[in-house]
Each structure stands twice: as structure tokens, then as C-alpha cells.
Amino acid sequence: MGHPNEELMRRATDALNAGDMETFLGFHADDVVVHVTGRNAFSGDIKGKEEVAALFQRQMQVLDSPPQFELHDVLANDDHGVILGRQRFSRGGRDVETNSTVVLHIRDGKATELWVLSSDPYAEDELFS
């Protein structure tokens, strides 16, 4: 068994891929701050669990299906986590796949701040334009 924060990030990713937003959001602090690369309606700084939920709801309105995140590796210690993976989006029959890195601050079993970094934010910007 890995570090508890590794297990937390794996369970959160599983919940996200299953579309279980309640469980996914349960892994986030109420005052979480998420920084997303890019220059589209879904990028920038998202503050608070309610804004994160609203972001995913807006994404679901424009995407053909829920985004999927395939884990490549998860690294964790007592305060931080890093998720390496491949993210897939589909909109209007067009697919975009990017390598993604998510860096997290974790406190008391909750993500308090995240940086979501894409290997190709330009492709994501074009998809979400």
C-alpha cells in the first residue's frame, strides 16, 4: 500500500472518471483553489468547492462525454502530491488528448490547492472555444 495521499489521489481520479462528482469533490477542501492552464472558459483560477463543481457542470454541457483521465503515475508525501496522466476530451465529434500533470497541496486528507498543467493547452483552448 502506498502513502495515504497517493491512495487519496487514486480514489479521487477513479471517482472523477466514474462521473461521481460528490465523491470527487469530497476529496477537496471547501476553500480549495484550482489553477488551470490555458486561455479558455475552463481555465484560470477556480476558488472554492462550489466553483469547482460549477466548472465541471459547465464542461459537461459542452462535451460529448465526460472527460477521462488515465493515470500514468502518482507521487505523494505528507504535504504534496503529483498526478501524471493522459486526459481525453471530446466535443462536436473532435477528440483532444493531452498529457497532464496535477500538482497538489494536501492537508488533513483534502486537496487545498491544485495546479492542472497540460502538455498542449493550445489544443484544449481550441476545443473549448
N, C-alpha and C. Protein backbone atom coordinates (compact mmCIF):
# COMPACT_ATOMS: atom_id res chain seq x y z
N MET A 1 0.85 -1.19 0.00
CA MET A 1 0.00 0.00 0.00
C MET A 1 0.88 1.24 0.00
N GLY A 2 0.50 2.22 -0.79
CA GLY A 2 1.26 3.45 -0.90
C GLY A 2 0.95 4.43 0.21
N HIS A 3 1.50 5.60 0.08
CA HIS A 3 1.26 6.69 1.02
C HIS A 3 -0.24 7.02 1.03
N PRO A 4 -0.80 7.40 2.18
CA PRO A 4 -2.24 7.74 2.23
C PRO A 4 -2.64 8.80 1.22
N ASN A 5 -1.78 9.77 0.95
CA ASN A 5 -2.13 10.80 -0.03
C ASN A 5 -2.10 10.25 -1.46
N GLU A 6 -1.29 9.23 -1.70
CA GLU A 6 -1.33 8.56 -3.00
C GLU A 6 -2.67 7.87 -3.18
N GLU A 7 -3.10 7.17 -2.15
CA GLU A 7 -4.40 6.48 -2.20
C GLU A 7 -5.53 7.48 -2.40
N LEU A 8 -5.47 8.63 -1.73
CA LEU A 8 -6.48 9.68 -1.86
C LEU A 8 -6.58 10.14 -3.31
N MET A 9 -5.43 10.40 -3.94
CA MET A 9 -5.43 10.89 -5.31
C MET A 9 -5.92 9.83 -6.29
N ARG A 10 -5.59 8.57 -6.04
CA ARG A 10 -6.08 7.49 -6.91
C ARG A 10 -7.61 7.35 -6.79
N ARG A 11 -8.13 7.42 -5.57
CA ARG A 11 -9.58 7.31 -5.37
C ARG A 11 -10.30 8.51 -5.98
N ALA A 12 -9.72 9.70 -5.85
CA ALA A 12 -10.33 10.90 -6.44
C ALA A 12 -10.39 10.78 -7.96
N THR A 13 -9.31 10.29 -8.56
CA THR A 13 -9.29 10.12 -10.01
C THR A 13 -10.30 9.08 -10.45
N ASP A 14 -10.41 7.99 -9.71
CA ASP A 14 -11.42 6.97 -10.02
C ASP A 14 -12.83 7.56 -9.97
N ALA A 15 -13.10 8.37 -8.95
CA ALA A 15 -14.42 8.99 -8.81
C ALA A 15 -14.68 9.95 -9.97
N LEU A 16 -13.68 10.72 -10.35
CA LEU A 16 -13.83 11.65 -11.48
C LEU A 16 -14.16 10.88 -12.76
N ASN A 17 -13.40 9.82 -13.03
CA ASN A 17 -13.65 9.03 -14.24
C ASN A 17 -15.00 8.35 -14.23
N ALA A 18 -15.52 8.04 -13.05
CA ALA A 18 -16.84 7.41 -12.94
C ALA A 18 -17.97 8.43 -12.99
N GLY A 19 -17.62 9.72 -13.02
CA GLY A 19 -18.63 10.76 -13.01
C GLY A 19 -19.27 10.96 -11.64
N ASP A 20 -18.62 10.47 -10.59
CA ASP A 20 -19.13 10.59 -9.22
C ASP A 20 -18.61 11.89 -8.62
N MET A 21 -19.27 12.99 -8.95
CA MET A 21 -18.82 14.31 -8.51
C MET A 21 -18.88 14.48 -7.00
N GLU A 22 -19.86 13.89 -6.35
CA GLU A 22 -19.98 14.03 -4.90
C GLU A 22 -18.75 13.45 -4.21
N THR A 23 -18.35 12.25 -4.62
CA THR A 23 -17.15 11.64 -4.03
C THR A 23 -15.91 12.41 -4.43
N PHE A 24 -15.80 12.79 -5.71
CA PHE A 24 -14.65 13.54 -6.18
C PHE A 24 -14.49 14.84 -5.39
N LEU A 25 -15.56 15.60 -5.25
CA LEU A 25 -15.48 16.87 -4.53
C LEU A 25 -15.21 16.67 -3.05
N GLY A 26 -15.57 15.52 -2.52
CA GLY A 26 -15.30 15.21 -1.12
C GLY A 26 -13.82 15.14 -0.80
N PHE A 27 -12.98 14.98 -1.79
CA PHE A 27 -11.53 14.96 -1.59
C PHE A 27 -10.93 16.37 -1.59
N HIS A 28 -11.77 17.39 -1.74
CA HIS A 28 -11.30 18.78 -1.81
C HIS A 28 -11.75 19.56 -0.58
N ALA A 29 -10.88 20.44 -0.10
CA ALA A 29 -11.25 21.35 0.98
C ALA A 29 -12.32 22.31 0.48
N ASP A 30 -13.14 22.82 1.39
CA ASP A 30 -14.20 23.75 0.98
C ASP A 30 -13.63 24.98 0.29
N ASP A 31 -12.44 25.44 0.74
CA ASP A 31 -11.84 26.65 0.18
C ASP A 31 -10.71 26.33 -0.82
N VAL A 32 -10.80 25.18 -1.47
CA VAL A 32 -9.79 24.76 -2.44
C VAL A 32 -9.60 25.83 -3.52
N VAL A 33 -8.38 25.94 -4.01
CA VAL A 33 -8.07 26.82 -5.14
C VAL A 33 -7.44 25.95 -6.22
N VAL A 34 -8.00 26.03 -7.44
CA VAL A 34 -7.51 25.24 -8.56
C VAL A 34 -7.04 26.20 -9.65
N HIS A 35 -5.81 26.01 -10.11
CA HIS A 35 -5.22 26.82 -11.17
C HIS A 35 -5.13 25.94 -12.42
N VAL A 36 -5.80 26.34 -13.50
CA VAL A 36 -5.85 25.54 -14.72
C VAL A 36 -5.19 26.33 -15.85
N THR A 37 -4.21 25.70 -16.53
CA THR A 37 -3.54 26.37 -17.64
C THR A 37 -4.49 26.59 -18.80
N GLY A 38 -4.16 27.55 -19.64
CA GLY A 38 -4.93 27.80 -20.84
C GLY A 38 -5.57 29.18 -20.83
N ARG A 39 -6.27 29.45 -21.93
CA ARG A 39 -6.98 30.72 -22.10
C ARG A 39 -8.36 30.43 -22.68
N ASN A 40 -9.14 29.67 -21.92
CA ASN A 40 -10.49 29.34 -22.37
C ASN A 40 -11.44 29.48 -21.19
N ALA A 41 -12.69 29.19 -21.42
CA ALA A 41 -13.71 29.38 -20.38
C ALA A 41 -13.52 28.45 -19.19
N PHE A 42 -12.67 27.44 -19.31
CA PHE A 42 -12.48 26.48 -18.23
C PHE A 42 -11.10 26.59 -17.60
N SER A 43 -10.34 27.62 -17.95
CA SER A 43 -9.01 27.79 -17.38
C SER A 43 -9.02 28.98 -16.41
N GLY A 44 -7.89 29.19 -15.77
CA GLY A 44 -7.78 30.27 -14.81
C GLY A 44 -7.81 29.74 -13.39
N ASP A 45 -8.13 30.61 -12.45
CA ASP A 45 -8.19 30.25 -11.04
C ASP A 45 -9.64 30.01 -10.62
N ILE A 46 -9.88 28.85 -10.06
CA ILE A 46 -11.20 28.47 -9.58
C ILE A 46 -11.10 28.39 -8.06
N LYS A 47 -11.95 29.12 -7.37
CA LYS A 47 -11.84 29.22 -5.92
C LYS A 47 -13.08 28.67 -5.24
N GLY A 48 -12.86 27.66 -4.41
CA GLY A 48 -13.94 27.07 -3.64
C GLY A 48 -14.53 25.85 -4.31
N LYS A 49 -14.99 24.93 -3.47
CA LYS A 49 -15.55 23.67 -3.96
C LYS A 49 -16.76 23.89 -4.84
N GLU A 50 -17.58 24.91 -4.54
CA GLU A 50 -18.77 25.17 -5.35
C GLU A 50 -18.40 25.62 -6.76
N GLU A 51 -17.34 26.45 -6.89
CA GLU A 51 -16.89 26.87 -8.21
C GLU A 51 -16.31 25.69 -8.99
N VAL A 52 -15.62 24.78 -8.31
CA VAL A 52 -15.09 23.59 -8.97
C VAL A 52 -16.26 22.76 -9.51
N ALA A 53 -17.28 22.58 -8.69
CA ALA A 53 -18.46 21.82 -9.13
C ALA A 53 -19.12 22.50 -10.32
N ALA A 54 -19.24 23.82 -10.28
CA ALA A 54 -19.85 24.56 -11.39
C ALA A 54 -19.02 24.43 -12.66
N LEU A 55 -17.70 24.43 -12.54
CA LEU A 55 -16.83 24.26 -13.69
C LEU A 55 -17.08 22.92 -14.37
N PHE A 56 -17.15 21.84 -13.57
CA PHE A 56 -17.40 20.52 -14.15
C PHE A 56 -18.80 20.45 -14.77
N GLN A 57 -19.76 21.10 -14.16
CA GLN A 57 -21.11 21.10 -14.71
C GLN A 57 -21.12 21.81 -16.07
N ARG A 58 -20.42 22.94 -16.17
CA ARG A 58 -20.34 23.66 -17.45
C ARG A 58 -19.62 22.82 -18.49
N GLN A 59 -18.54 22.13 -18.08
CA GLN A 59 -17.84 21.26 -19.02
C GLN A 59 -18.77 20.19 -19.58
N MET A 60 -19.56 19.59 -18.71
CA MET A 60 -20.45 18.52 -19.14
C MET A 60 -21.50 19.01 -20.13
N GLN A 61 -21.83 20.30 -20.08
CA GLN A 61 -22.81 20.85 -21.01
C GLN A 61 -22.24 21.00 -22.41
N VAL A 62 -20.92 21.13 -22.54
CA VAL A 62 -20.33 21.34 -23.87
C VAL A 62 -19.61 20.12 -24.43
N LEU A 63 -19.26 19.17 -23.58
CA LEU A 63 -18.54 17.99 -24.05
C LEU A 63 -19.49 16.89 -24.50
N ASP A 64 -19.03 16.05 -25.41
CA ASP A 64 -19.82 14.92 -25.89
C ASP A 64 -19.97 13.85 -24.82
N SER A 65 -18.99 13.72 -23.96
CA SER A 65 -18.99 12.72 -22.90
C SER A 65 -18.07 13.22 -21.79
N PRO A 66 -18.16 12.61 -20.62
CA PRO A 66 -17.28 13.07 -19.54
C PRO A 66 -15.81 12.94 -19.93
N PRO A 67 -14.98 13.92 -19.51
CA PRO A 67 -13.55 13.78 -19.77
C PRO A 67 -13.01 12.55 -19.03
N GLN A 68 -11.99 11.95 -19.57
CA GLN A 68 -11.37 10.78 -18.94
C GLN A 68 -9.91 11.09 -18.64
N PHE A 69 -9.45 10.58 -17.50
CA PHE A 69 -8.07 10.79 -17.09
C PHE A 69 -7.44 9.43 -16.82
N GLU A 70 -6.46 9.08 -17.63
CA GLU A 70 -5.75 7.81 -17.47
C GLU A 70 -4.49 8.06 -16.65
N LEU A 71 -4.41 7.42 -15.49
CA LEU A 71 -3.25 7.59 -14.62
C LEU A 71 -2.01 6.94 -15.22
N HIS A 72 -0.92 7.66 -15.15
CA HIS A 72 0.38 7.09 -15.50
C HIS A 72 1.17 6.81 -14.22
N ASP A 73 1.15 7.77 -13.29
CA ASP A 73 1.84 7.59 -12.02
C ASP A 73 1.31 8.60 -11.01
N VAL A 74 1.48 8.27 -9.74
CA VAL A 74 1.08 9.14 -8.64
C VAL A 74 2.23 9.18 -7.64
N LEU A 75 2.62 10.38 -7.25
CA LEU A 75 3.69 10.57 -6.28
C LEU A 75 3.12 11.35 -5.11
N ALA A 76 3.51 10.98 -3.88
CA ALA A 76 2.92 11.65 -2.73
C ALA A 76 3.86 11.65 -1.53
N ASN A 77 3.70 12.70 -0.70
CA ASN A 77 4.30 12.72 0.62
C ASN A 77 3.26 13.31 1.57
N ASP A 78 3.66 13.73 2.75
CA ASP A 78 2.69 14.20 3.73
C ASP A 78 1.98 15.49 3.34
N ASP A 79 2.59 16.31 2.50
CA ASP A 79 2.03 17.62 2.18
C ASP A 79 1.67 17.84 0.71
N HIS A 80 2.25 17.01 -0.18
CA HIS A 80 2.09 17.26 -1.61
C HIS A 80 1.80 15.99 -2.38
N GLY A 81 1.25 16.18 -3.56
CA GLY A 81 1.02 15.07 -4.46
C GLY A 81 1.22 15.52 -5.89
N VAL A 82 1.57 14.58 -6.74
CA VAL A 82 1.70 14.83 -8.17
C VAL A 82 1.03 13.67 -8.90
N ILE A 83 0.16 14.02 -9.83
CA ILE A 83 -0.50 13.03 -10.66
C ILE A 83 -0.03 13.24 -12.09
N LEU A 84 0.46 12.18 -12.70
CA LEU A 84 0.87 12.21 -14.10
C LEU A 84 -0.12 11.36 -14.88
N GLY A 85 -0.61 11.89 -15.99
CA GLY A 85 -1.58 11.11 -16.74
C GLY A 85 -1.87 11.67 -18.10
N ARG A 86 -2.88 11.09 -18.71
CA ARG A 86 -3.33 11.47 -20.05
C ARG A 86 -4.81 11.80 -19.95
N GLN A 87 -5.16 12.97 -20.43
CA GLN A 87 -6.54 13.45 -20.35
C GLN A 87 -7.15 13.45 -21.75
N ARG A 88 -8.42 13.03 -21.82
CA ARG A 88 -9.13 12.98 -23.10
C ARG A 88 -10.43 13.77 -23.01
N PHE A 89 -10.66 14.58 -24.05
CA PHE A 89 -11.90 15.35 -24.17
C PHE A 89 -12.47 15.10 -25.56
N SER A 90 -13.79 15.19 -25.68
CA SER A 90 -14.44 15.08 -26.97
C SER A 90 -15.55 16.13 -27.04
N ARG A 91 -15.53 16.90 -28.12
CA ARG A 91 -16.56 17.93 -28.32
C ARG A 91 -16.87 18.04 -29.80
N GLY A 92 -18.15 17.92 -30.13
CA GLY A 92 -18.55 18.03 -31.52
C GLY A 92 -17.89 16.98 -32.40
N GLY A 93 -17.65 15.80 -31.84
CA GLY A 93 -17.02 14.72 -32.58
C GLY A 93 -15.52 14.86 -32.71
N ARG A 94 -14.94 15.90 -32.14
CA ARG A 94 -13.50 16.12 -32.20
C ARG A 94 -12.87 15.71 -30.87
N ASP A 95 -11.81 14.92 -30.94
CA ASP A 95 -11.12 14.44 -29.74
C ASP A 95 -9.81 15.18 -29.53
N VAL A 96 -9.51 15.45 -28.27
CA VAL A 96 -8.23 16.01 -27.89
C VAL A 96 -7.67 15.17 -26.76
N GLU A 97 -6.41 14.78 -26.89
CA GLU A 97 -5.71 14.06 -25.84
C GLU A 97 -4.45 14.83 -25.49
N THR A 98 -4.23 15.04 -24.21
CA THR A 98 -3.04 15.75 -23.76
C THR A 98 -2.45 15.03 -22.55
N ASN A 99 -1.15 15.12 -22.43
CA ASN A 99 -0.53 14.68 -21.18
C ASN A 99 -0.79 15.76 -20.16
N SER A 100 -1.09 15.35 -18.94
CA SER A 100 -1.42 16.31 -17.90
C SER A 100 -0.66 15.99 -16.63
N THR A 101 -0.34 17.05 -15.91
CA THR A 101 0.26 16.94 -14.60
C THR A 101 -0.60 17.74 -13.64
N VAL A 102 -0.93 17.13 -12.52
CA VAL A 102 -1.68 17.83 -11.47
C VAL A 102 -0.80 17.82 -10.24
N VAL A 103 -0.49 19.02 -9.75
CA VAL A 103 0.31 19.18 -8.54
C VAL A 103 -0.63 19.66 -7.43
N LEU A 104 -0.55 19.02 -6.27
CA LEU A 104 -1.50 19.31 -5.19
C LEU A 104 -0.79 19.64 -3.89
N HIS A 105 -1.38 20.58 -3.15
CA HIS A 105 -1.11 20.72 -1.72
C HIS A 105 -2.21 19.93 -1.03
N ILE A 106 -1.84 19.12 -0.05
CA ILE A 106 -2.81 18.29 0.66
C ILE A 106 -2.67 18.53 2.16
N ARG A 107 -3.80 18.74 2.82
CA ARG A 107 -3.81 18.93 4.27
C ARG A 107 -5.00 18.18 4.85
N ASP A 108 -4.75 17.39 5.87
CA ASP A 108 -5.81 16.64 6.55
C ASP A 108 -6.67 15.82 5.58
N GLY A 109 -6.03 15.19 4.60
CA GLY A 109 -6.74 14.32 3.68
C GLY A 109 -7.57 15.03 2.63
N LYS A 110 -7.34 16.33 2.43
CA LYS A 110 -8.09 17.12 1.44
C LYS A 110 -7.12 17.92 0.58
N ALA A 111 -7.43 18.03 -0.70
CA ALA A 111 -6.66 18.89 -1.59
C ALA A 111 -7.03 20.33 -1.29
N THR A 112 -6.02 21.15 -1.00
CA THR A 112 -6.27 22.55 -0.68
C THR A 112 -5.92 23.49 -1.83
N GLU A 113 -4.97 23.08 -2.66
CA GLU A 113 -4.61 23.88 -3.83
C GLU A 113 -4.07 22.94 -4.89
N LEU A 114 -4.47 23.17 -6.15
CA LEU A 114 -4.06 22.31 -7.25
C LEU A 114 -3.63 23.16 -8.44
N TRP A 115 -2.65 22.66 -9.16
CA TRP A 115 -2.22 23.23 -10.43
C TRP A 115 -2.42 22.16 -11.49
N VAL A 116 -3.26 22.43 -12.47
CA VAL A 116 -3.55 21.47 -13.55
C VAL A 116 -2.82 21.97 -14.79
N LEU A 117 -1.81 21.21 -15.19
CA LEU A 117 -0.92 21.62 -16.28
C LEU A 117 -1.09 20.69 -17.46
N SER A 118 -1.28 21.25 -18.63
CA SER A 118 -1.48 20.47 -19.85
C SER A 118 -0.25 20.55 -20.73
N SER A 119 0.07 19.46 -21.41
CA SER A 119 1.17 19.47 -22.37
C SER A 119 0.80 20.24 -23.63
N ASP A 120 -0.49 20.44 -23.87
CA ASP A 120 -0.93 21.17 -25.06
C ASP A 120 -2.16 22.03 -24.74
N PRO A 121 -1.94 23.11 -23.98
CA PRO A 121 -3.08 23.97 -23.65
C PRO A 121 -3.72 24.61 -24.88
N TYR A 122 -2.94 24.76 -25.98
CA TYR A 122 -3.49 25.36 -27.19
C TYR A 122 -4.58 24.49 -27.80
N ALA A 123 -4.36 23.17 -27.81
CA ALA A 123 -5.38 22.26 -28.33
C ALA A 123 -6.64 22.31 -27.46
N GLU A 124 -6.46 22.39 -26.15
CA GLU A 124 -7.61 22.49 -25.26
C GLU A 124 -8.33 23.82 -25.46
N ASP A 125 -7.56 24.91 -25.62
CA ASP A 125 -8.18 26.22 -25.87
C ASP A 125 -9.03 26.17 -27.14
N GLU A 126 -8.49 25.56 -28.19
CA GLU A 126 -9.24 25.46 -29.45
C GLU A 126 -10.50 24.62 -29.28
N LEU A 127 -10.40 23.52 -28.55
CA LEU A 127 -11.56 22.65 -28.34
C LEU A 127 -12.67 23.38 -27.59
N PHE A 128 -12.28 24.17 -26.60
CA PHE A 128 -13.28 24.83 -25.74
C PHE A 128 -13.68 26.22 -26.26
N SER A 129 -13.16 26.63 -27.42
CA SER A 129 -13.52 27.95 -27.98
C SER A 129 -14.86 27.90 -28.67
